[in-house]
Protein backbone atom coordinates (compact mmCIF):
# COMPACT_ATOMS: atom_id res chain seq x y z
CA MET A 1 16.15 9.94 -34.37
CA SER A 2 16.99 6.27 -35.03
CA ASP A 3 15.71 3.60 -32.74
CA THR A 4 19.41 2.25 -32.36
CA ILE A 5 20.76 3.81 -29.16
CA LYS A 6 23.91 5.63 -30.31
CA LYS A 7 27.45 5.39 -28.72
CA ARG A 8 28.87 8.68 -27.19
CA HIS A 9 31.18 9.32 -30.12
CA GLU A 10 28.32 8.88 -32.64
CA ILE A 11 26.72 12.07 -31.21
CA ALA A 12 27.51 15.34 -33.49
CA GLU A 13 29.53 17.69 -31.44
CA GLN A 14 27.04 20.64 -31.72
CA TYR A 15 24.68 18.62 -29.41
CA LYS A 16 27.16 18.09 -26.81
CA TRP A 17 28.04 20.22 -23.81
CA LYS A 18 31.29 22.06 -23.66
CA LEU A 19 33.02 20.57 -20.25
CA GLU A 20 36.36 21.84 -21.87
CA ASP A 21 35.32 25.18 -20.54
CA ALA A 22 35.39 24.25 -17.01
CA TYR A 23 38.65 21.91 -17.55
CA ALA A 24 40.67 22.08 -20.98
CA ASP A 25 41.58 18.37 -20.30
CA GLU A 26 42.48 15.89 -17.71
CA GLU A 27 45.86 17.38 -17.29
CA VAL A 28 44.51 20.47 -15.87
CA TRP A 29 42.15 18.77 -13.85
CA GLU A 30 45.00 16.80 -12.44
CA GLU A 31 46.78 20.20 -11.55
CA ASP A 32 43.73 21.31 -9.46
CA PHE A 33 43.36 17.99 -7.71
CA LYS A 34 46.99 18.14 -6.78
CA ARG A 35 46.61 21.94 -5.59
CA VAL A 36 43.79 21.20 -3.43
CA GLN A 37 46.01 18.19 -1.43
CA GLU A 38 48.69 20.78 -1.25
CA VAL A 39 46.58 23.38 0.29
CA LEU A 40 44.78 21.29 2.86
CA PRO A 41 47.40 21.30 5.57
CA GLY A 42 47.37 25.27 5.58
CA ILE A 43 43.76 25.07 6.49
CA GLU A 44 44.57 22.52 9.24
CA SER A 45 46.82 24.62 10.81
CA PHE A 46 44.17 27.24 11.65
CA LYS A 47 42.62 24.46 14.03
CA GLY A 48 41.85 26.21 17.55
CA ARG A 49 42.54 29.67 16.37
CA LEU A 50 39.56 31.32 14.93
CA GLN A 51 38.81 33.16 18.23
CA GLU A 52 42.56 34.66 18.01
CA SER A 53 41.71 37.66 15.63
CA ALA A 54 39.20 39.05 13.05
CA ALA A 55 42.12 38.88 10.57
CA VAL A 56 42.50 35.29 11.25
CA LEU A 57 38.93 34.59 11.12
CA TYR A 58 38.85 36.02 7.78
CA ASP A 59 41.97 34.37 6.46
CA VAL A 60 40.66 31.20 7.07
CA LEU A 61 37.23 31.64 5.80
CA LYS A 62 38.78 32.96 2.49
CA ARG A 63 41.18 29.99 2.16
CA LEU A 64 38.24 27.80 2.87
CA GLU A 65 36.24 29.42 0.17
CA GLU A 66 38.86 29.06 -2.27
CA LEU A 67 39.33 25.31 -1.48
CA GLN A 68 35.67 24.80 -1.63
CA ARG A 69 35.52 26.59 -5.03
CA ARG A 70 38.23 24.59 -6.67
CA SER A 71 37.08 21.11 -4.97
CA GLU A 72 33.39 21.88 -6.20
CA LYS A 73 34.63 22.56 -9.78
CA LEU A 74 36.65 19.17 -9.69
CA TYR A 75 33.73 17.30 -8.14
CA VAL A 76 31.12 18.66 -10.93
CA TYR A 77 33.29 18.14 -13.97
CA ALA A 78 34.06 14.45 -12.97
CA ARG A 79 30.61 13.64 -12.38
CA MET A 80 29.48 15.09 -15.47
CA ARG A 81 32.03 13.28 -17.41
CA ARG A 82 30.73 10.20 -15.82
CA ASP A 83 27.45 11.09 -16.68
CA GLU A 84 28.30 11.18 -20.53
CA ASP A 85 28.81 7.56 -20.00
CA ASN A 86 28.32 5.65 -16.89
CA ALA A 87 30.10 2.52 -18.25
CA ASN A 88 33.64 4.23 -19.04
CA THR A 89 35.97 3.22 -16.49
CA CYS A 90 38.17 6.27 -17.05
CA TYR A 91 35.53 8.65 -15.75
CA GLN A 92 34.32 6.16 -13.15
CA THR A 93 37.64 6.26 -11.53
CA LEU A 94 38.18 10.00 -11.91
CA PHE A 95 34.73 10.33 -9.81
CA GLU A 96 35.68 7.88 -7.32
CA ARG A 97 39.04 10.02 -6.78
CA ILE A 98 37.22 13.37 -6.10
CA GLU A 99 34.97 11.68 -3.92
CA ARG A 100 37.39 10.71 -1.74
CA LEU A 101 39.08 13.74 -1.93
CA SER A 102 36.07 15.57 -1.13
CA VAL A 103 35.63 13.59 2.22
CA GLN A 104 39.00 14.61 2.78
CA VAL A 105 38.27 18.27 2.42
CA SER A 106 35.11 17.92 4.42
CA SER A 107 37.17 16.27 7.28
CA THR A 108 39.91 18.53 7.27
CA THR A 109 38.04 21.52 7.52
CA SER A 110 35.17 20.10 9.76
CA PHE A 111 36.38 22.02 12.56
CA VAL A 112 35.72 25.47 11.32
CA ILE A 113 32.07 25.58 11.70
CA PRO A 114 32.03 24.31 15.31
CA GLU A 115 34.86 26.78 16.28
CA ILE A 116 32.99 29.78 14.86
CA THR A 117 29.76 28.72 16.98
CA VAL A 118 31.61 28.99 19.96
CA ILE A 119 32.55 32.77 19.45
CA PRO A 120 30.67 34.88 21.82
CA VAL A 121 28.25 36.99 20.14
CA GLU A 122 29.95 40.25 21.85
CA LYS A 123 33.53 39.03 20.47
CA MET A 124 31.83 38.27 16.98
CA GLU A 125 30.34 41.70 16.95
CA GLU A 126 33.79 43.24 17.73
CA PHE A 127 34.97 41.19 14.71
CA PHE A 128 32.57 42.58 12.33
CA GLN A 129 33.42 46.15 13.68
CA GLN A 130 37.40 45.39 13.36
CA LYS A 131 37.41 43.96 9.75
CA LYS A 132 34.64 45.34 7.75
CA GLU A 133 35.23 42.52 5.11
CA LEU A 134 33.81 40.12 7.76
CA ASN A 135 30.31 41.53 7.16
CA GLN A 136 29.62 39.60 4.11
CA TYR A 137 29.51 36.60 6.24
CA ARG A 138 27.18 38.08 8.85
CA HIS A 139 24.08 36.10 7.61
CA PHE A 140 26.31 32.94 7.47
CA TRP A 141 27.15 33.46 10.96
CA GLU A 142 23.50 34.11 12.07
CA GLU A 143 22.38 31.15 10.41
CA LEU A 144 25.00 29.09 11.99
CA TRP A 145 24.02 30.52 15.42
CA ARG A 146 20.13 29.71 14.50
CA GLN A 147 21.45 25.70 14.18
CA GLN A 148 23.96 26.05 16.97
CA GLU A 149 22.31 23.14 19.09
CA HIS A 150 22.79 21.16 15.95
CA ILE A 151 26.34 21.65 15.52
CA LEU A 152 28.47 19.16 17.11
CA SER A 153 31.92 19.43 18.62
CA PRO A 154 34.94 19.55 16.26
CA GLU A 155 36.17 15.85 16.81
CA GLU A 156 32.27 14.88 16.23
CA GLU A 157 32.02 16.85 13.20
CA ARG A 158 35.41 15.38 11.86
CA LEU A 159 33.89 11.59 12.43
CA LEU A 160 30.48 12.81 10.50
CA ALA A 161 32.48 14.39 7.53
CA MET A 162 34.57 10.99 7.51
CA SER A 163 31.61 8.85 7.24
CA ALA A 164 30.46 10.88 4.21
CA ASP A 165 31.88 8.54 1.68
CA LEU A 166 30.07 5.56 3.33
CA SER A 167 26.63 7.89 3.30
CA THR A 168 26.74 8.22 -0.31
CA ALA A 169 27.11 4.30 -0.83
CA ALA A 170 23.26 3.42 -1.16
CA GLY A 171 22.67 6.18 -3.53
CA ASN A 172 25.80 5.22 -5.68
CA ILE A 173 24.95 1.63 -6.00
CA PHE A 174 21.39 2.78 -7.19
CA ASN A 175 22.76 5.19 -9.66
CA MET A 176 25.04 2.52 -11.09
CA PHE A 177 22.46 -0.15 -11.28
CA ASN A 178 19.72 2.05 -12.53
CA ASN A 179 21.95 3.94 -15.11
CA ALA A 180 24.65 1.13 -15.97
CA ASP A 181 23.39 -2.28 -15.08
CA ILE A 182 19.66 -2.60 -15.70
CA LYS A 183 18.60 -3.85 -19.17
CA PHE A 184 14.93 -4.25 -20.36
CA PRO A 185 13.18 -6.71 -22.87
CA ALA A 186 12.72 -5.90 -26.01
CA ILE A 187 8.71 -4.82 -26.95
CA LYS A 188 6.93 -4.52 -30.19
CA ASP A 189 6.27 -0.71 -31.48
CA GLU A 190 3.27 0.42 -32.99
CA ALA A 191 4.26 -1.14 -36.47
CA GLY A 192 5.00 -4.57 -34.87
CA GLN A 193 8.58 -4.17 -34.92
CA GLU A 194 10.62 -5.35 -31.98
CA VAL A 195 12.53 -2.47 -30.31
CA GLU A 196 15.03 -1.97 -27.28
CA LEU A 197 13.28 -0.48 -24.17
CA THR A 198 15.34 2.01 -22.37
CA LYS A 199 14.56 4.35 -19.78
CA GLY A 200 14.76 7.38 -22.31
CA ARG A 201 12.23 5.77 -24.62
CA TYR A 202 9.66 4.82 -21.95
CA GLY A 203 8.03 7.92 -21.63
CA ARG A 204 7.50 8.01 -25.53
CA TYR A 205 5.87 4.40 -25.52
CA MET A 206 3.68 5.46 -22.46
CA GLU A 207 2.43 8.42 -24.52
CA SER A 208 1.57 5.86 -27.69
CA SER A 209 -1.87 5.85 -29.01
CA ASP A 210 -1.67 2.05 -29.24
CA ARG A 211 -2.66 0.72 -25.90
CA GLN A 212 -1.08 -2.45 -26.53
CA VAL A 213 2.32 -0.65 -26.73
CA ARG A 214 1.71 1.40 -23.52
CA GLN A 215 0.70 -1.86 -21.72
CA GLU A 216 3.67 -3.98 -22.89
CA ALA A 217 6.29 -1.06 -22.03
CA PHE A 218 4.50 -0.94 -18.56
CA SER A 219 4.76 -4.27 -17.80
CA SER A 220 7.84 -4.85 -19.11
CA LEU A 221 9.70 -1.82 -17.08
CA TYR A 222 8.02 -2.66 -13.95
CA SER A 223 8.47 -6.74 -13.92
CA THR A 224 12.10 -5.96 -14.92
CA TYR A 225 12.26 -3.77 -11.58
CA GLY A 226 10.27 -6.34 -9.68
CA LYS A 227 13.12 -9.01 -10.06
CA PHE A 228 15.41 -6.75 -8.36
CA LYS A 229 13.01 -5.37 -5.52
CA ASN A 230 14.79 -7.16 -2.85
CA THR A 231 17.98 -5.69 -3.59
CA LEU A 232 16.32 -2.17 -4.33
CA ALA A 233 14.50 -2.34 -1.09
CA SER A 234 17.81 -3.03 0.85
CA THR A 235 19.33 -0.02 -0.77
CA LEU A 236 16.53 2.25 -0.09
CA ALA A 237 16.27 1.41 3.48
CA SER A 238 19.86 1.76 3.87
CA SER A 239 19.41 5.31 2.53
CA VAL A 240 16.48 5.83 4.91
CA LYS A 241 18.52 4.49 7.88
CA ARG A 242 21.29 6.95 6.90
CA ASP A 243 18.92 10.11 6.97
CA ILE A 244 17.76 8.91 10.59
CA PHE A 245 21.26 8.32 11.73
CA TYR A 246 22.60 12.10 10.83
CA ALA A 247 19.37 13.45 12.04
CA ARG A 248 19.84 11.67 15.29
CA ALA A 249 23.47 12.40 15.61
CA ARG A 250 22.68 16.14 15.19
CA LYS A 251 19.98 15.80 17.80
CA TYR A 252 17.00 16.36 15.63
CA PRO A 253 13.48 14.66 16.57
CA SER A 254 13.33 13.26 13.12
CA ALA A 255 15.03 13.07 9.68
CA LEU A 256 12.08 15.37 8.03
CA GLU A 257 13.13 18.28 10.90
CA ALA A 258 16.75 17.79 10.10
CA ALA A 259 16.15 18.06 6.21
CA LEU A 260 13.80 21.29 6.29
CA ASP A 261 15.86 22.88 9.10
CA GLN A 262 18.53 23.45 6.34
CA ASP A 263 16.20 25.93 4.54
CA ASN A 264 14.74 27.10 7.88
CA ILE A 265 11.32 25.44 7.09
CA SER A 266 9.00 24.13 9.69
CA PRO A 267 7.64 20.60 9.22
CA GLU A 268 3.87 22.30 9.45
CA VAL A 269 4.82 23.52 5.73
CA TYR A 270 5.73 19.88 4.44
CA GLU A 271 2.60 18.76 6.11
CA GLN A 272 0.20 21.57 5.03
CA LEU A 273 1.00 20.72 1.50
CA ILE A 274 0.18 17.20 2.07
CA ASP A 275 -3.09 18.05 3.67
CA THR A 276 -4.09 20.81 1.06
CA VAL A 277 -3.54 18.47 -1.95
CA HIS A 278 -5.40 15.89 0.08
CA ASP A 279 -8.31 18.51 0.41
CA LYS A 280 -8.29 19.10 -3.43
CA LEU A 281 -8.18 15.19 -4.46
CA ASP A 282 -11.51 15.79 -6.06
CA TYR A 283 -10.06 17.88 -8.85
CA MET A 284 -7.81 14.74 -9.53
CA TYR A 285 -10.72 12.43 -9.21
CA ARG A 286 -12.43 14.51 -11.76
CA TYR A 287 -9.44 14.77 -14.20
CA MET A 288 -9.07 10.79 -14.06
CA LYS A 289 -13.09 10.45 -14.90
CA LEU A 290 -12.54 12.97 -17.72
CA ARG A 291 -9.64 11.15 -19.05
CA LYS A 292 -11.52 7.96 -18.75
CA LYS A 293 -14.30 9.42 -20.96
CA MET A 294 -11.94 10.97 -23.55
CA LEU A 295 -10.23 7.88 -24.19
CA GLY A 296 -13.33 5.86 -24.44
CA LEU A 297 -12.17 2.90 -21.98
CA GLU A 298 -14.19 0.87 -19.66
CA GLU A 299 -11.43 0.77 -17.34
CA LEU A 300 -8.60 3.16 -16.91
CA HIS A 301 -5.50 1.49 -16.11
CA MET A 302 -1.80 3.08 -14.63
CA TYR A 303 -0.66 2.73 -18.53
CA ASP A 304 -3.54 4.70 -19.54
CA LEU A 305 -2.43 7.90 -17.52
CA TYR A 306 0.26 9.66 -19.94
CA THR A 307 -1.20 9.00 -23.45
CA PRO A 308 -2.65 12.56 -24.89
CA LEU A 309 -6.28 12.69 -24.70
CA VAL A 310 -6.64 13.96 -28.27
CA SER A 311 -5.47 10.54 -29.52
CA ASP A 312 -5.32 11.73 -33.41
CA TYR A 313 -3.03 14.65 -32.58
CA ARG A 314 0.41 14.52 -32.00
CA ILE A 315 3.30 16.95 -31.90
CA GLN A 316 6.85 16.04 -32.86
CA VAL A 317 9.14 18.62 -31.96
CA PRO A 318 12.67 18.70 -33.55
CA TYR A 319 15.36 20.33 -31.21
CA GLN A 320 15.93 23.48 -33.07
CA GLN A 321 12.18 24.00 -33.06
CA ALA A 322 12.23 23.45 -29.52
CA ARG A 323 15.06 26.07 -29.10
CA GLU A 324 12.67 28.52 -30.97
CA GLN A 325 9.66 27.91 -28.91
CA VAL A 326 11.21 28.07 -25.82
CA LEU A 327 12.94 31.75 -26.56
CA ALA A 328 9.24 32.74 -27.76
CA GLY A 329 7.43 31.26 -24.88
CA LEU A 330 9.85 33.17 -22.20
CA LYS A 331 9.66 36.66 -24.17
CA PRO A 332 7.74 38.34 -21.45
CA LEU A 333 11.01 37.71 -18.95
CA GLY A 334 12.66 40.69 -21.04
CA ASP A 335 15.48 41.05 -23.42
CA GLU A 336 18.29 40.71 -20.92
CA TYR A 337 17.05 37.53 -19.78
CA LEU A 338 16.19 35.95 -23.51
CA THR A 339 20.12 37.29 -24.57
CA LEU A 340 21.32 34.98 -21.83
CA LEU A 341 19.06 32.44 -22.68
CA LYS A 342 20.08 32.41 -26.32
CA GLY A 343 23.74 32.57 -25.56
CA GLY A 344 23.63 29.43 -23.57
CA MET A 345 22.00 27.49 -26.33
CA GLU A 346 24.64 28.64 -28.62
CA SER A 347 27.78 27.91 -26.52
CA GLY A 348 27.78 24.33 -25.26
CA TRP A 349 25.75 24.47 -22.09
CA ILE A 350 23.59 21.72 -23.30
CA ASP A 351 24.01 17.94 -23.88
CA VAL A 352 20.97 17.22 -25.88
CA TYR A 353 20.60 13.42 -27.07
CA GLU A 354 20.53 10.35 -25.24
CA ASN A 355 23.60 7.74 -25.81
CA GLU A 356 24.53 4.62 -24.68
CA GLY A 357 25.26 4.80 -20.72
CA LYS A 358 24.37 8.15 -20.23
CA THR A 359 22.95 9.17 -17.19
CA SER A 360 18.97 9.29 -17.53
CA GLY A 361 16.73 12.25 -16.94
CA ALA A 362 17.90 15.84 -17.05
CA TYR A 363 19.36 18.29 -15.09
CA SER A 364 21.24 21.50 -14.63
CA TRP A 365 24.43 21.96 -12.80
CA GLY A 366 27.47 23.86 -12.75
CA THR A 367 29.68 25.82 -10.62
CA PHE A 368 30.56 29.27 -9.40
CA ASP A 369 33.36 29.19 -11.82
CA THR A 370 31.84 27.73 -14.80
CA HIS A 371 28.83 28.53 -16.87
CA PRO A 372 25.67 26.49 -16.09
CA TYR A 373 25.26 23.18 -17.64
CA VAL A 374 22.25 20.86 -18.90
CA LEU A 375 22.02 17.15 -19.34
CA MET A 376 19.18 16.15 -21.50
CA ASN A 377 18.05 12.75 -23.36
CA TYR A 378 16.19 14.91 -25.75
CA ASP A 379 13.49 12.47 -27.53
CA ASN A 380 11.21 15.09 -30.04
CA LYS A 381 8.46 14.73 -27.54
CA LEU A 382 6.48 17.88 -26.22
CA ASP A 383 7.54 16.87 -22.77
CA ASP A 384 11.20 17.44 -23.71
CA VAL A 385 10.39 21.17 -25.16
CA PHE A 386 9.36 21.86 -21.27
CA THR A 387 12.08 19.80 -20.10
CA LEU A 388 14.57 22.19 -22.12
CA ALA A 389 12.61 25.34 -20.48
CA HIS A 390 12.60 23.85 -17.15
CA GLU A 391 16.28 23.02 -16.95
CA LEU A 392 17.19 26.48 -18.30
CA GLY A 393 15.03 28.06 -15.80
CA HIS A 394 17.20 26.49 -13.41
CA SER A 395 20.65 27.45 -15.33
CA LEU A 396 19.41 31.32 -15.74
CA HIS A 397 18.92 31.29 -11.75
CA SER A 398 22.35 29.82 -11.33
CA TYR A 399 23.92 32.40 -13.78
CA TYR A 400 22.20 35.45 -12.02
CA SER A 401 23.13 34.07 -8.39
CA ASN A 402 26.67 33.65 -9.44
CA LYS A 403 26.99 37.07 -10.93
CA ASN A 404 25.40 38.84 -8.18
CA GLN A 405 26.38 37.00 -4.85
CA PRO A 406 29.74 36.30 -3.39
CA PHE A 407 30.36 32.62 -3.58
CA ILE A 408 29.11 31.95 0.16
CA TYR A 409 25.76 33.16 -1.01
CA SER A 410 25.74 31.98 -4.71
CA GLN A 411 24.04 28.64 -4.40
CA TYR A 412 20.17 29.38 -3.75
CA THR A 413 18.63 26.50 -1.49
CA ILE A 414 16.64 23.32 -2.80
CA PHE A 415 13.51 24.92 -1.54
CA LEU A 416 14.08 27.78 -4.40
CA ALA A 417 15.21 25.56 -6.61
CA GLU A 418 12.11 24.82 -8.46
CA VAL A 419 10.35 27.86 -8.83
CA ALA A 420 12.48 29.56 -11.65
CA SER A 421 12.29 26.38 -13.83
CA THR A 422 8.63 26.17 -13.45
CA VAL A 423 7.92 29.85 -14.13
CA ASN A 424 9.57 29.06 -17.50
CA GLU A 425 7.17 25.77 -17.84
CA SER A 426 4.21 27.93 -17.21
CA LEU A 427 5.22 31.01 -19.31
CA LEU A 428 5.89 28.41 -22.18
CA ILE A 429 2.41 26.63 -22.01
CA ASP A 430 0.61 29.85 -21.75
CA TYR A 431 2.36 31.12 -24.89
CA LEU A 432 1.50 27.82 -26.87
CA LEU A 433 -2.11 28.01 -25.71
CA GLN A 434 -2.39 31.48 -27.02
CA ASN A 435 -0.70 30.58 -30.31
CA SER A 436 -2.72 27.24 -30.80
CA SER A 437 -4.43 27.20 -33.99
CA ASN A 438 -6.97 24.86 -34.02
CA ARG A 439 -9.39 23.11 -31.30
CA GLN A 440 -7.39 19.74 -31.20
CA GLU A 441 -4.06 21.72 -30.45
CA LYS A 442 -5.78 23.30 -27.95
CA MET A 443 -6.94 20.56 -26.19
CA TYR A 444 -3.81 18.71 -26.32
CA LEU A 445 -2.07 21.58 -24.66
CA ILE A 446 -4.70 21.91 -21.98
CA ASN A 447 -3.97 18.42 -21.64
CA HIS A 448 -0.13 18.76 -21.21
CA TYR A 449 -0.73 21.61 -18.80
CA LEU A 450 -3.17 19.21 -16.54
CA GLU A 451 -0.31 16.77 -16.98
CA GLN A 452 1.86 19.41 -15.76
CA PHE A 453 -0.09 19.81 -12.50
CA ARG A 454 -0.66 16.08 -11.99
CA GLY A 455 3.11 15.22 -12.22
CA THR A 456 4.21 17.94 -10.35
CA VAL A 457 1.70 18.88 -7.68
CA TYR A 458 -0.09 15.83 -6.98
CA ARG A 459 2.47 13.16 -7.83
CA GLN A 460 5.32 14.91 -6.16
CA THR A 461 2.96 15.46 -3.06
CA MET A 462 2.40 11.67 -2.93
CA PHE A 463 6.00 10.80 -3.18
CA ALA A 464 6.55 13.47 -0.28
CA GLU A 465 4.11 11.49 1.49
CA PHE A 466 5.66 8.42 0.86
CA GLU A 467 9.09 9.61 2.24
CA LYS A 468 7.39 10.74 5.25
CA ILE A 469 5.58 7.33 5.93
CA ILE A 470 8.81 5.12 5.29
CA HIS A 471 10.88 7.51 7.36
CA GLU A 472 8.21 7.31 10.42
CA LYS A 473 8.25 3.71 10.04
CA VAL A 474 12.03 3.07 10.61
CA GLU A 475 12.08 6.02 13.15
CA ALA A 476 9.43 4.04 15.17
CA GLY A 477 11.56 0.98 15.02
CA GLY A 478 10.00 -0.58 12.23
CA GLY A 479 11.49 -2.31 9.15
CA LEU A 480 11.14 -1.70 5.28
CA THR A 481 10.68 -4.89 3.44
CA PRO A 482 9.84 -5.08 -0.10
CA GLU A 483 6.39 -6.23 1.04
CA GLU A 484 5.85 -3.23 3.14
CA LEU A 485 7.09 -0.79 0.58
CA CYS A 486 4.98 -2.16 -1.97
CA ARG A 487 1.91 -2.16 0.05
CA THR A 488 2.45 1.44 1.24
CA TYR A 489 2.94 2.59 -2.44
CA ARG A 490 -0.20 0.68 -3.73
CA GLU A 491 -2.30 2.28 -1.37
CA LEU A 492 -0.81 5.85 -1.91
CA ASN A 493 -1.63 5.32 -5.56
CA ARG A 494 -5.07 4.29 -4.51
CA LEU A 495 -5.87 7.56 -2.37
CA TYR A 496 -4.26 9.99 -5.10
CA PHE A 497 -5.71 8.83 -8.21
CA GLY A 498 -9.30 7.50 -6.95
CA PRO A 499 -11.94 5.30 -7.95
CA GLU A 500 -12.05 5.64 -11.64
CA VAL A 501 -8.39 4.33 -11.95
CA VAL A 502 -7.46 0.44 -11.71
CA ILE A 503 -4.26 0.46 -9.36
CA ASP A 504 -2.59 -2.34 -11.67
CA ARG A 505 -0.10 -4.65 -9.61
CA GLU A 506 3.08 -3.60 -11.45
CA ILE A 507 2.82 0.11 -10.06
CA GLU A 508 3.52 -1.05 -6.68
CA VAL A 509 7.32 -1.33 -7.33
CA GLU A 510 7.58 2.16 -8.74
CA TRP A 511 9.27 3.25 -5.61
CA SER A 512 12.12 1.37 -6.87
CA ARG A 513 13.15 3.43 -9.69
CA ILE A 514 12.68 6.80 -8.26
CA PRO A 515 16.20 8.59 -7.75
CA HIS A 516 15.13 11.25 -5.86
CA PHE A 517 14.35 9.04 -2.73
CA TYR A 518 18.00 8.82 -1.99
CA SER A 519 17.82 12.63 -1.65
CA ALA A 520 14.93 12.54 1.13
CA PHE A 521 12.49 15.29 1.54
CA TYR A 522 13.49 17.08 -1.59
CA VAL A 523 10.30 16.27 -3.92
CA TYR A 524 7.98 18.30 -1.87
CA LYS A 525 9.68 21.33 -3.23
CA TYR A 526 8.66 20.69 -6.62
CA ALA A 527 5.18 21.14 -5.63
CA THR A 528 5.79 24.23 -3.52
CA GLY A 529 7.68 25.68 -6.44
CA PHE A 530 5.10 24.94 -8.79
CA SER A 531 2.53 26.61 -6.72
CA ALA A 532 4.79 29.70 -6.27
CA ALA A 533 5.64 29.88 -9.85
CA THR A 534 2.09 29.74 -10.98
CA ALA A 535 1.58 32.87 -8.92
CA ILE A 536 4.73 34.78 -10.22
CA LYS A 537 3.78 33.78 -13.73
CA GLU A 538 0.23 35.33 -13.23
CA GLN A 539 1.93 38.42 -11.92
CA ILE A 540 4.21 38.71 -14.73
CA LEU A 541 1.34 38.38 -17.42
CA LYS A 542 -0.86 40.94 -15.68
CA GLU A 543 1.60 43.65 -14.28
CA GLY A 544 4.53 43.24 -17.02
CA ASP A 545 7.95 44.99 -16.18
CA PRO A 546 7.47 45.62 -12.54
CA ALA A 547 6.92 42.07 -11.66
CA VAL A 548 9.64 40.97 -14.02
CA ALA A 549 11.91 43.38 -11.88
CA ARG A 550 10.85 41.87 -8.68
CA TYR A 551 11.35 38.21 -10.13
CA LEU A 552 14.75 39.08 -11.48
CA GLU A 553 16.02 40.48 -8.10
CA PHE A 554 14.66 37.05 -6.68
CA LEU A 555 16.88 35.35 -9.05
CA LYS A 556 19.96 37.53 -8.39
CA SER A 557 19.40 36.95 -4.56
CA GLY A 558 21.07 33.38 -4.10
CA SER A 559 20.93 32.18 -0.39
CA SER A 560 21.49 35.92 1.03
CA ASP A 561 18.40 35.34 3.18
CA TYR A 562 15.93 32.57 4.50
CA PRO A 563 14.16 30.79 1.47
CA LEU A 564 10.88 32.28 2.43
CA ASN A 565 11.79 35.78 3.09
CA LEU A 566 13.53 35.65 -0.57
CA LEU A 567 10.40 34.48 -2.02
CA LYS A 568 8.34 37.15 -0.62
CA LYS A 569 10.32 39.51 -2.82
CA THR A 570 8.11 38.36 -5.62
CA GLY A 571 4.83 38.86 -3.36
CA VAL A 572 4.42 34.92 -2.79
CA ASP A 573 4.07 33.51 0.89
CA LEU A 574 4.69 29.72 1.06
CA ALA A 575 4.45 29.69 4.74
CA ALA A 576 0.41 30.00 4.00
CA PRO A 577 -1.62 27.34 1.93
CA GLN A 578 -3.02 30.23 -0.23
CA PRO A 579 -0.27 29.42 -2.99
CA VAL A 580 -1.11 25.72 -3.35
CA GLU A 581 -4.74 26.26 -3.06
CA GLN A 582 -4.73 29.12 -5.88
CA ALA A 583 -2.61 26.69 -8.06
CA LEU A 584 -5.01 23.57 -7.62
CA GLU A 585 -7.92 25.85 -8.33
CA TYR A 586 -6.13 26.98 -11.54
CA PHE A 587 -6.22 23.22 -12.28
CA GLY A 588 -9.78 23.09 -11.79
CA LYS A 589 -9.99 25.94 -14.39
CA LEU A 590 -8.17 24.13 -16.93
CA LEU A 591 -10.71 21.13 -16.43
CA ASP A 592 -13.40 23.61 -17.21
CA GLN A 593 -11.84 24.75 -20.25
CA MET A 594 -11.17 21.08 -21.46
CA GLU A 595 -14.92 20.24 -20.66
CA GLU A 596 -16.09 23.33 -22.42
CA ILE A 597 -14.18 22.70 -25.60
CA LEU A 598 -15.76 18.89 -25.50
């Protein structure tokens, strides 16, 4: 890839996703948009009538499903079009329109849930008997009853739904700033040439064997964010206040409990994760000491944490090779899984390369009525190969859920979302390790695996603790000044990385560039998901077909039961500390292997 960031039209079509599979063109999108506007009044006519009969209740639920499916498809398409190039005003407008319509849909249909929750249990049971088709909604109804005390009156629900457009403001402002507006100064690469620093390239420079390049990229990125820390502190504080407002409006003791209750997870699971990781920080300190030794440094700085420990070994992986490696690594999941995976790779699921204005990072998305889509910013790094496997894990999870569950249970909860993606990564790294041809390659791959643990379990738990601290501070009546955010973040880095690492001043503003902080209490699921995936991967490699069958059954389950119950289908119980403990013990074994090779 050239160091010049290409414009969207310069990317070859074979490396772009086919959003035309969702809507052939914007005219078809406009037809669906108009259809949603037209059917909204029909839904509203059911207001106050849901207790009339089983037939009426079933009718409104089916109409609601059709409306949600159509508006979801409109929303996802418009957002993905905007993500192709955030500076494209046409798609900015398209997305803003569907955002407004989505708020209108939520507002208009907000009476449905409160009305269902006040239907007496005896009457609801009669409805289930009278209209057998209603029984597919039984778990949905039981979940509503579980959360009954947090569901407000129809008018209050309507007001909260109307506020949804305002509630996304902080995240939208951050997104536009972070993906369309912020620019970084040029730095000098390994050859001494001036190159543009972008978020997409930052990871590459942080892996550089040239320490000066790493330091300059690190300083340039964070000094740029630091110039905007007042603005970014304000957007993050606004997001935190939003979380607290909605939690209190729904009568939760805290924003944390409100967020976790959607998955029927107790705060103890969240706190148990933090405590368990704290108990195993000695492994992280040991890893940092090993890193310092292998790099031959007197001081280990924050910009030294991503460069591979095998300094004279580099893996450049072209995209086609990455596809082949992913398919080979996931072979233990069976022929059916591999056939679906290969089909997705070849039929426009994936948007591969970075282009000017494209949303950074990676994700898997889609709707019940489309195939999954994957956004990437592929840069030929080994990390990018694992990102491909990771996002396709999400995609296959979505594919299986959509094909095997009705719409209402098709979307698996966020708590389970990182399990399938990380199973893929774990299988891939094991495959690459088994097929490594020499000592250097094996060391490189073990280092990469160690980094996966550090980044997914330790780092995401640190993020989770940061979120918990800043929400509790505001809930107690405090404020989130830039200084307070920086101090909190700096001290957490000191705790998690330990005495072997110099906590450079620049790292204290890292909070200002983390998009997940605008979706509070999400990141802990990376750590729990990684731990569960490590256990599942071990089962698959040891047991073969029986474990694969259990795992595929889990992938097909969507949200048809509570997350912890669904995960138990695989034999993993995240209500207990053992999966996290065992994952971190595995991290310790990898350290042993690295030390033995040395």
